[in-house]
């Protein structure tokens, strides 16, 4: 399993609805509200054989209220 971080920009007033919908999927390891350009930061573990782009598209970006996402792949934890 590989940890993937995704930052989400939500439509105005939709951050809590998006957070609730993400939490309901039971796929998210950690979920934080953030300051700055993005509203939420999530950590998800994806099987190393899984297509990360498809996973994010199918399970995260498809949630109503998300305007933009930024996915960060990780290499090594220190």
PDB file of N, CA and C in Angstrom:
ATOM      1  N   UNK A   1       0.850  -1.190   0.000  1.00  0.00           N
ATOM      2  CA  UNK A   1       0.000   0.000   0.000  1.00  0.00           C
ATOM      3  C   UNK A   1       0.889   1.245   0.000  1.00  0.00           C
ATOM      4  N   UNK A   2       0.494   2.199  -0.827  1.00  0.00           N
ATOM      5  CA  UNK A   2       1.221   3.461  -0.915  1.00  0.00           C
ATOM      6  C   UNK A   2       0.361   4.585  -0.360  1.00  0.00           C
ATOM      7  N   UNK A   3       0.949   5.440   0.486  1.00  0.00           N
ATOM      8  CA  UNK A   3       0.195   6.608   0.958  1.00  0.00           C
ATOM      9  C   UNK A   3       0.174   7.688  -0.116  1.00  0.00           C
ATOM     10  N   UNK A   4      -0.999   8.227  -0.354  1.00  0.00           N
ATOM     11  CA  UNK A   4      -1.207   9.302  -1.329  1.00  0.00           C
ATOM     12  C   UNK A   4      -1.867  10.464  -0.581  1.00  0.00           C
ATOM     13  N   UNK A   5      -1.385  11.673  -0.832  1.00  0.00           N
ATOM     14  CA  UNK A   5      -1.980  12.868  -0.242  1.00  0.00           C
ATOM     15  C   UNK A   5      -2.724  13.628  -1.331  1.00  0.00           C
ATOM     16  N   UNK A   6      -3.913  14.105  -1.000  1.00  0.00           N
ATOM     17  CA  UNK A   6      -4.718  14.860  -1.957  1.00  0.00           C
ATOM     18  C   UNK A   6      -5.223  16.123  -1.267  1.00  0.00           C
ATOM     19  N   UNK A   7      -4.966  17.269  -1.909  1.00  0.00           N
ATOM     20  CA  UNK A   7      -5.514  18.531  -1.437  1.00  0.00           C
ATOM     21  C   UNK A   7      -6.749  18.836  -2.277  1.00  0.00           C
ATOM     22  N   UNK A   8      -7.772  19.335  -1.620  1.00  0.00           N
ATOM     23  CA  UNK A   8      -9.030  19.612  -2.307  1.00  0.00           C
ATOM     24  C   UNK A   8      -9.456  21.061  -2.107  1.00  0.00           C
ATOM     25  N   UNK A   9      -9.848  21.685  -3.192  1.00  0.00           N
ATOM     26  CA  UNK A   9     -10.464  23.002  -3.139  1.00  0.00           C
ATOM     27  C   UNK A   9     -11.962  22.778  -3.316  1.00  0.00           C
ATOM     28  N   UNK A  10     -12.734  23.294  -2.400  1.00  0.00           N
ATOM     29  CA  UNK A  10     -14.181  23.071  -2.420  1.00  0.00           C
ATOM     30  C   UNK A  10     -14.918  24.333  -2.863  1.00  0.00           C
ATOM     31  N   UNK A  11     -16.099  24.142  -3.377  1.00  0.00           N
ATOM     32  CA  UNK A  11     -16.962  25.278  -3.705  1.00  0.00           C
ATOM     33  C   UNK A  11     -17.277  26.025  -2.414  1.00  0.00           C
ATOM     34  N   UNK A  12     -17.486  27.333  -2.491  1.00  0.00           N
ATOM     35  CA  UNK A  12     -17.792  28.102  -1.285  1.00  0.00           C
ATOM     36  C   UNK A  12     -18.958  27.492  -0.501  1.00  0.00           C
ATOM     37  N   UNK A  13     -18.745  27.304   0.785  1.00  0.00           N
ATOM     38  CA  UNK A  13     -19.782  26.784   1.666  1.00  0.00           C
ATOM     39  C   UNK A  13     -19.964  25.272   1.614  1.00  0.00           C
ATOM     40  N   UNK A  14     -19.136  24.570   0.861  1.00  0.00           N
ATOM     41  CA  UNK A  14     -19.323  23.122   0.679  1.00  0.00           C
ATOM     42  C   UNK A  14     -18.266  22.262   1.382  1.00  0.00           C
ATOM     43  N   UNK A  15     -17.323  22.867   2.069  1.00  0.00           N
ATOM     44  CA  UNK A  15     -16.215  22.110   2.668  1.00  0.00           C
ATOM     45  C   UNK A  15     -16.698  21.032   3.624  1.00  0.00           C
ATOM     46  N   UNK A  16     -17.620  21.363   4.497  1.00  0.00           N
ATOM     47  CA  UNK A  16     -18.084  20.373   5.484  1.00  0.00           C
ATOM     48  C   UNK A  16     -18.885  19.254   4.826  1.00  0.00           C
ATOM     49  N   UNK A  17     -19.648  19.590   3.798  1.00  0.00           N
ATOM     50  CA  UNK A  17     -20.385  18.552   3.069  1.00  0.00           C
ATOM     51  C   UNK A  17     -19.424  17.602   2.357  1.00  0.00           C
ATOM     52  N   UNK A  18     -18.387  18.156   1.750  1.00  0.00           N
ATOM     53  CA  UNK A  18     -17.377  17.331   1.081  1.00  0.00           C
ATOM     54  C   UNK A  18     -16.669  16.451   2.102  1.00  0.00           C
ATOM     55  N   UNK A  19     -16.289  17.027   3.235  1.00  0.00           N
ATOM     56  CA  UNK A  19     -15.612  16.256   4.281  1.00  0.00           C
ATOM     57  C   UNK A  19     -16.493  15.110   4.769  1.00  0.00           C
ATOM     58  N   UNK A  20     -17.768  15.375   4.993  1.00  0.00           N
ATOM     59  CA  UNK A  20     -18.694  14.316   5.432  1.00  0.00           C
ATOM     60  C   UNK A  20     -18.812  13.210   4.387  1.00  0.00           C
ATOM     61  N   UNK A  21     -18.891  13.597   3.109  1.00  0.00           N
ATOM     62  CA  UNK A  21     -19.010  12.607   2.038  1.00  0.00           C
ATOM     63  C   UNK A  21     -17.742  11.761   1.931  1.00  0.00           C
ATOM     64  N   UNK A  22     -16.579  12.389   2.079  1.00  0.00           N
ATOM     65  CA  UNK A  22     -15.320  11.639   2.054  1.00  0.00           C
ATOM     66  C   UNK A  22     -15.242  10.669   3.218  1.00  0.00           C
ATOM     67  N   UNK A  23     -15.600  11.139   4.396  1.00  0.00           N
ATOM     68  CA  UNK A  23     -15.570  10.289   5.590  1.00  0.00           C
ATOM     69  C   UNK A  23     -16.497   9.091   5.416  1.00  0.00           C
ATOM     70  N   UNK A  24     -17.624   9.297   4.777  1.00  0.00           N
ATOM     71  CA  UNK A  24     -18.612   8.229   4.592  1.00  0.00           C
ATOM     72  C   UNK A  24     -18.109   7.114   3.671  1.00  0.00           C
ATOM     73  N   UNK A  25     -17.131   7.406   2.812  1.00  0.00           N
ATOM     74  CA  UNK A  25     -16.606   6.375   1.910  1.00  0.00           C
ATOM     75  C   UNK A  25     -15.799   5.316   2.654  1.00  0.00           C
ATOM     76  N   UNK A  26     -15.311   5.648   3.831  1.00  0.00           N
ATOM     77  CA  UNK A  26     -14.471   4.768   4.647  1.00  0.00           C
ATOM     78  C   UNK A  26     -13.179   4.379   3.925  1.00  0.00           C
ATOM     79  N   UNK A  27     -12.753   5.177   2.960  1.00  0.00           N
ATOM     80  CA  UNK A  27     -11.507   4.928   2.235  1.00  0.00           C
ATOM     81  C   UNK A  27     -10.372   5.833   2.705  1.00  0.00           C
ATOM     82  N   UNK A  28     -10.723   6.893   3.418  1.00  0.00           N
ATOM     83  CA  UNK A  28      -9.762   7.921   3.794  1.00  0.00           C
ATOM     84  C   UNK A  28      -9.106   7.569   5.125  1.00  0.00           C
ATOM     85  N   UNK A  29      -7.775   7.621   5.151  1.00  0.00           N
ATOM     86  CA  UNK A  29      -7.033   7.330   6.381  1.00  0.00           C
ATOM     87  C   UNK A  29      -7.058   8.534   7.330  1.00  0.00           C
ATOM     88  N   UNK A  30      -6.787   9.718   6.767  1.00  0.00           N
ATOM     89  CA  UNK A  30      -6.766  10.951   7.562  1.00  0.00           C
ATOM     90  C   UNK A  30      -7.374  12.068   6.718  1.00  0.00           C
ATOM     91  N   UNK A  31      -8.034  13.011   7.379  1.00  0.00           N
ATOM     92  CA  UNK A  31      -8.677  14.129   6.692  1.00  0.00           C
ATOM     93  C   UNK A  31      -8.569  15.371   7.561  1.00  0.00           C
ATOM     94  N   UNK A  32      -8.036  16.444   6.979  1.00  0.00           N
ATOM     95  CA  UNK A  32      -7.812  17.684   7.718  1.00  0.00           C
ATOM     96  C   UNK A  32      -8.388  18.871   6.964  1.00  0.00           C
ATOM     97  N   UNK A  33      -8.886  19.860   7.688  1.00  0.00           N
ATOM     98  CA  UNK A  33      -9.201  21.147   7.073  1.00  0.00           C
ATOM     99  C   UNK A  33      -7.900  21.951   7.085  1.00  0.00           C
ATOM    100  N   UNK A  34      -7.718  22.778   6.063  1.00  0.00           N
ATOM    101  CA  UNK A  34      -6.466  23.517   5.933  1.00  0.00           C
ATOM    102  C   UNK A  34      -6.730  24.969   5.566  1.00  0.00           C
ATOM    103  N   UNK A  35      -5.714  25.785   5.745  1.00  0.00           N
ATOM    104  CA  UNK A  35      -5.792  27.179   5.309  1.00  0.00           C
ATOM    105  C   UNK A  35      -5.090  27.291   3.963  1.00  0.00           C
ATOM    106  N   UNK A  36      -5.318  28.384   3.281  1.00  0.00           N
ATOM    107  CA  UNK A  36      -4.650  28.605   2.007  1.00  0.00           C
ATOM    108  C   UNK A  36      -5.539  28.306   0.817  1.00  0.00           C
ATOM    109  N   UNK A  37      -4.921  27.974  -0.296  1.00  0.00           N
ATOM    110  CA  UNK A  37      -5.630  27.774  -1.557  1.00  0.00           C
ATOM    111  C   UNK A  37      -6.559  26.559  -1.537  1.00  0.00           C
ATOM    112  N   UNK A  38      -6.194  25.551  -0.750  1.00  0.00           N
ATOM    113  CA  UNK A  38      -6.998  24.326  -0.668  1.00  0.00           C
ATOM    114  C   UNK A  38      -7.688  24.259   0.691  1.00  0.00           C
ATOM    115  N   UNK A  39      -8.846  23.610   0.727  1.00  0.00           N
ATOM    116  CA  UNK A  39      -9.666  23.565   1.933  1.00  0.00           C
ATOM    117  C   UNK A  39      -9.478  22.297   2.754  1.00  0.00           C
ATOM    118  N   UNK A  40      -9.159  21.196   2.087  1.00  0.00           N
ATOM    119  CA  UNK A  40      -9.022  19.908   2.760  1.00  0.00           C
ATOM    120  C   UNK A  40      -7.744  19.212   2.309  1.00  0.00           C
ATOM    121  N   UNK A  41      -7.174  18.446   3.205  1.00  0.00           N
ATOM    122  CA  UNK A  41      -6.027  17.600   2.902  1.00  0.00           C
ATOM    123  C   UNK A  41      -6.366  16.200   3.392  1.00  0.00           C
ATOM    124  N   UNK A  42      -6.255  15.231   2.498  1.00  0.00           N
ATOM    125  CA  UNK A  42      -6.565  13.868   2.900  1.00  0.00           C
ATOM    126  C   UNK A  42      -5.401  12.945   2.589  1.00  0.00           C
ATOM    127  N   UNK A  43      -5.344  11.880   3.350  1.00  0.00           N
ATOM    128  CA  UNK A  43      -4.350  10.827   3.139  1.00  0.00           C
ATOM    129  C   UNK A  43      -5.115   9.537   2.901  1.00  0.00           C
ATOM    130  N   UNK A  44      -4.745   8.854   1.838  1.00  0.00           N
ATOM    131  CA  UNK A  44      -5.400   7.607   1.490  1.00  0.00           C
ATOM    132  C   UNK A  44      -4.312   6.602   1.121  1.00  0.00           C
ATOM    133  N   UNK A  45      -4.542   5.352   1.449  1.00  0.00           N
ATOM    134  CA  UNK A  45      -3.615   4.290   1.065  1.00  0.00           C
ATOM    135  C   UNK A  45      -4.189   3.562  -0.143  1.00  0.00           C
ATOM    136  N   UNK A  46      -3.368   3.446  -1.179  1.00  0.00           N
ATOM    137  CA  UNK A  46      -3.784   2.809  -2.420  1.00  0.00           C
ATOM    138  C   UNK A  46      -2.855   1.631  -2.675  1.00  0.00           C
ATOM    139  N   UNK A  47      -3.423   0.514  -3.075  1.00  0.00           N
ATOM    140  CA  UNK A  47      -2.624  -0.657  -3.405  1.00  0.00           C
ATOM    141  C   UNK A  47      -1.622  -0.288  -4.492  1.00  0.00           C
ATOM    142  N   UNK A  48      -0.409  -0.795  -4.373  1.00  0.00           N
ATOM    143  CA  UNK A  48       0.645  -0.433  -5.317  1.00  0.00           C
ATOM    144  C   UNK A  48       0.319  -0.812  -6.759  1.00  0.00           C
ATOM    145  N   UNK A  49      -0.583  -1.753  -6.965  1.00  0.00           N
ATOM    146  CA  UNK A  49      -0.969  -2.175  -8.310  1.00  0.00           C
ATOM    147  C   UNK A  49      -2.152  -1.375  -8.866  1.00  0.00           C
ATOM    148  N   UNK A  50      -2.770  -0.567  -8.031  1.00  0.00           N
ATOM    149  CA  UNK A  50      -3.971   0.175  -8.446  1.00  0.00           C
ATOM    150  C   UNK A  50      -3.605   1.426  -9.238  1.00  0.00           C
ATOM    151  N   UNK A  51      -4.437   1.780 -10.185  1.00  0.00           N
ATOM    152  CA  UNK A  51      -4.281   2.996 -10.971  1.00  0.00           C
ATOM    153  C   UNK A  51      -4.706   4.169 -10.086  1.00  0.00           C
ATOM    154  N   UNK A  52      -3.733   4.965  -9.655  1.00  0.00           N
ATOM    155  CA  UNK A  52      -3.990   6.043  -8.694  1.00  0.00           C
ATOM    156  C   UNK A  52      -4.927   7.096  -9.283  1.00  0.00           C
ATOM    157  N   UNK A  53      -4.711   7.466 -10.519  1.00  0.00           N
ATOM    158  CA  UNK A  53      -5.570   8.466 -11.150  1.00  0.00           C
ATOM    159  C   UNK A  53      -7.014   8.023 -11.212  1.00  0.00           C
ATOM    160  N   UNK A  54      -7.245   6.772 -11.570  1.00  0.00           N
ATOM    161  CA  UNK A  54      -8.608   6.235 -11.619  1.00  0.00           C
ATOM    162  C   UNK A  54      -9.214   6.170 -10.225  1.00  0.00           C
ATOM    163  N   UNK A  55      -8.423   5.746  -9.237  1.00  0.00           N
ATOM    164  CA  UNK A  55      -8.907   5.682  -7.854  1.00  0.00           C
ATOM    165  C   UNK A  55      -9.361   7.062  -7.387  1.00  0.00           C
ATOM    166  N   UNK A  56      -8.528   8.076  -7.600  1.00  0.00           N
ATOM    167  CA  UNK A  56      -8.869   9.442  -7.175  1.00  0.00           C
ATOM    168  C   UNK A  56     -10.090   9.935  -7.943  1.00  0.00           C
ATOM    169  N   UNK A  57     -10.123   9.696  -9.236  1.00  0.00           N
ATOM    170  CA  UNK A  57     -11.259  10.120 -10.055  1.00  0.00           C
ATOM    171  C   UNK A  57     -12.558   9.461  -9.601  1.00  0.00           C
ATOM    172  N   UNK A  58     -12.519   8.164  -9.359  1.00  0.00           N
ATOM    173  CA  UNK A  58     -13.731   7.418  -9.003  1.00  0.00           C
ATOM    174  C   UNK A  58     -14.201   7.644  -7.573  1.00  0.00           C
ATOM    175  N   UNK A  59     -13.270   7.814  -6.635  1.00  0.00           N
ATOM    176  CA  UNK A  59     -13.641   7.830  -5.223  1.00  0.00           C
ATOM    177  C   UNK A  59     -13.516   9.190  -4.532  1.00  0.00           C
ATOM    178  N   UNK A  60     -12.794  10.115  -5.139  1.00  0.00           N
ATOM    179  CA  UNK A  60     -12.592  11.412  -4.485  1.00  0.00           C
ATOM    180  C   UNK A  60     -13.140  12.549  -5.348  1.00  0.00           C
ATOM    181  N   UNK A  61     -12.583  12.723  -6.538  1.00  0.00           N
ATOM    182  CA  UNK A  61     -12.937  13.871  -7.381  1.00  0.00           C
ATOM    183  C   UNK A  61     -14.389  13.871  -7.828  1.00  0.00           C
ATOM    184  N   UNK A  62     -15.035  12.725  -7.758  1.00  0.00           N
ATOM    185  CA  UNK A  62     -16.440  12.629  -8.184  1.00  0.00           C
ATOM    186  C   UNK A  62     -17.426  13.141  -7.131  1.00  0.00           C
ATOM    187  N   UNK A  63     -16.932  13.468  -5.948  1.00  0.00           N
ATOM    188  CA  UNK A  63     -17.809  13.952  -4.876  1.00  0.00           C
ATOM    189  C   UNK A  63     -18.266  15.381  -5.190  1.00  0.00           C
ATOM    190  N   UNK A  64     -19.568  15.635  -5.155  1.00  0.00           N
ATOM    191  CA  UNK A  64     -20.077  16.979  -5.441  1.00  0.00           C
ATOM    192  C   UNK A  64     -19.503  18.016  -4.469  1.00  0.00           C
ATOM    193  N   UNK A  65     -19.178  19.185  -5.003  1.00  0.00           N
ATOM    194  CA  UNK A  65     -18.657  20.272  -4.185  1.00  0.00           C
ATOM    195  C   UNK A  65     -17.154  20.444  -4.302  1.00  0.00           C
ATOM    196  N   UNK A  66     -16.474  19.508  -4.954  1.00  0.00           N
ATOM    197  CA  UNK A  66     -15.034  19.635  -5.158  1.00  0.00           C
ATOM    198  C   UNK A  66     -14.796  20.380  -6.464  1.00  0.00           C
ATOM    199  N   UNK A  67     -14.010  21.450  -6.372  1.00  0.00           N
ATOM    200  CA  UNK A  67     -13.725  22.291  -7.527  1.00  0.00           C
ATOM    201  C   UNK A  67     -12.406  21.893  -8.179  1.00  0.00           C
ATOM    202  N   UNK A  68     -11.430  21.536  -7.348  1.00  0.00           N
ATOM    203  CA  UNK A  68     -10.078  21.272  -7.848  1.00  0.00           C
ATOM    204  C   UNK A  68      -9.363  20.344  -6.882  1.00  0.00           C
ATOM    205  N   UNK A  69      -8.481  19.515  -7.427  1.00  0.00           N
ATOM    206  CA  UNK A  69      -7.685  18.640  -6.552  1.00  0.00           C
ATOM    207  C   UNK A  69      -6.232  18.659  -6.975  1.00  0.00           C
ATOM    208  N   UNK A  70      -5.367  18.370  -6.032  1.00  0.00           N
ATOM    209  CA  UNK A  70      -3.931  18.268  -6.272  1.00  0.00           C
ATOM    210  C   UNK A  70      -3.454  17.006  -5.562  1.00  0.00           C
ATOM    211  N   UNK A  71      -2.985  16.030  -6.324  1.00  0.00           N
ATOM    212  CA  UNK A  71      -2.556  14.755  -5.778  1.00  0.00           C
ATOM    213  C   UNK A  71      -1.042  14.728  -5.675  1.00  0.00           C
ATOM    214  N   UNK A  72      -0.544  14.305  -4.515  1.00  0.00           N
ATOM    215  CA  UNK A  72       0.895  14.185  -4.283  1.00  0.00           C
ATOM    216  C   UNK A  72       1.226  12.744  -3.985  1.00  0.00           C
ATOM    217  N   UNK A  73       2.100  12.176  -4.808  1.00  0.00           N
ATOM    218  CA  UNK A  73       2.569  10.814  -4.594  1.00  0.00           C
ATOM    219  C   UNK A  73       3.770  10.843  -3.651  1.00  0.00           C
ATOM    220  N   UNK A  74       3.904   9.812  -2.852  1.00  0.00           N
ATOM    221  CA  UNK A  74       5.010   9.770  -1.898  1.00  0.00           C
ATOM    222  C   UNK A  74       6.005   8.690  -2.312  1.00  0.00           C
ATOM    223  N   UNK A  75       7.256   8.876  -1.913  1.00  0.00           N
ATOM    224  CA  UNK A  75       8.300   7.923  -2.228  1.00  0.00           C
ATOM    225  C   UNK A  75       8.805   7.179  -0.987  1.00  0.00           C
ATOM    226  N   UNK A  76       9.094   7.930   0.055  1.00  0.00           N
ATOM    227  CA  UNK A  76       9.687   7.326   1.241  1.00  0.00           C
ATOM    228  C   UNK A  76       9.342   8.152   2.473  1.00  0.00           C
ATOM    229  N   UNK A  77       9.043   7.464   3.560  1.00  0.00           N
ATOM    230  CA  UNK A  77       8.786   8.137   4.844  1.00  0.00           C
ATOM    231  C   UNK A  77      10.085   8.134   5.644  1.00  0.00           C
ATOM    232  N   UNK A  78      10.369   9.218   6.315  1.00  0.00           N
ATOM    233  CA  UNK A  78      11.590   9.306   7.139  1.00  0.00           C
ATOM    234  C   UNK A  78      11.233   9.343   8.595  1.00  0.00           C
TER     235      UNK A  78
END
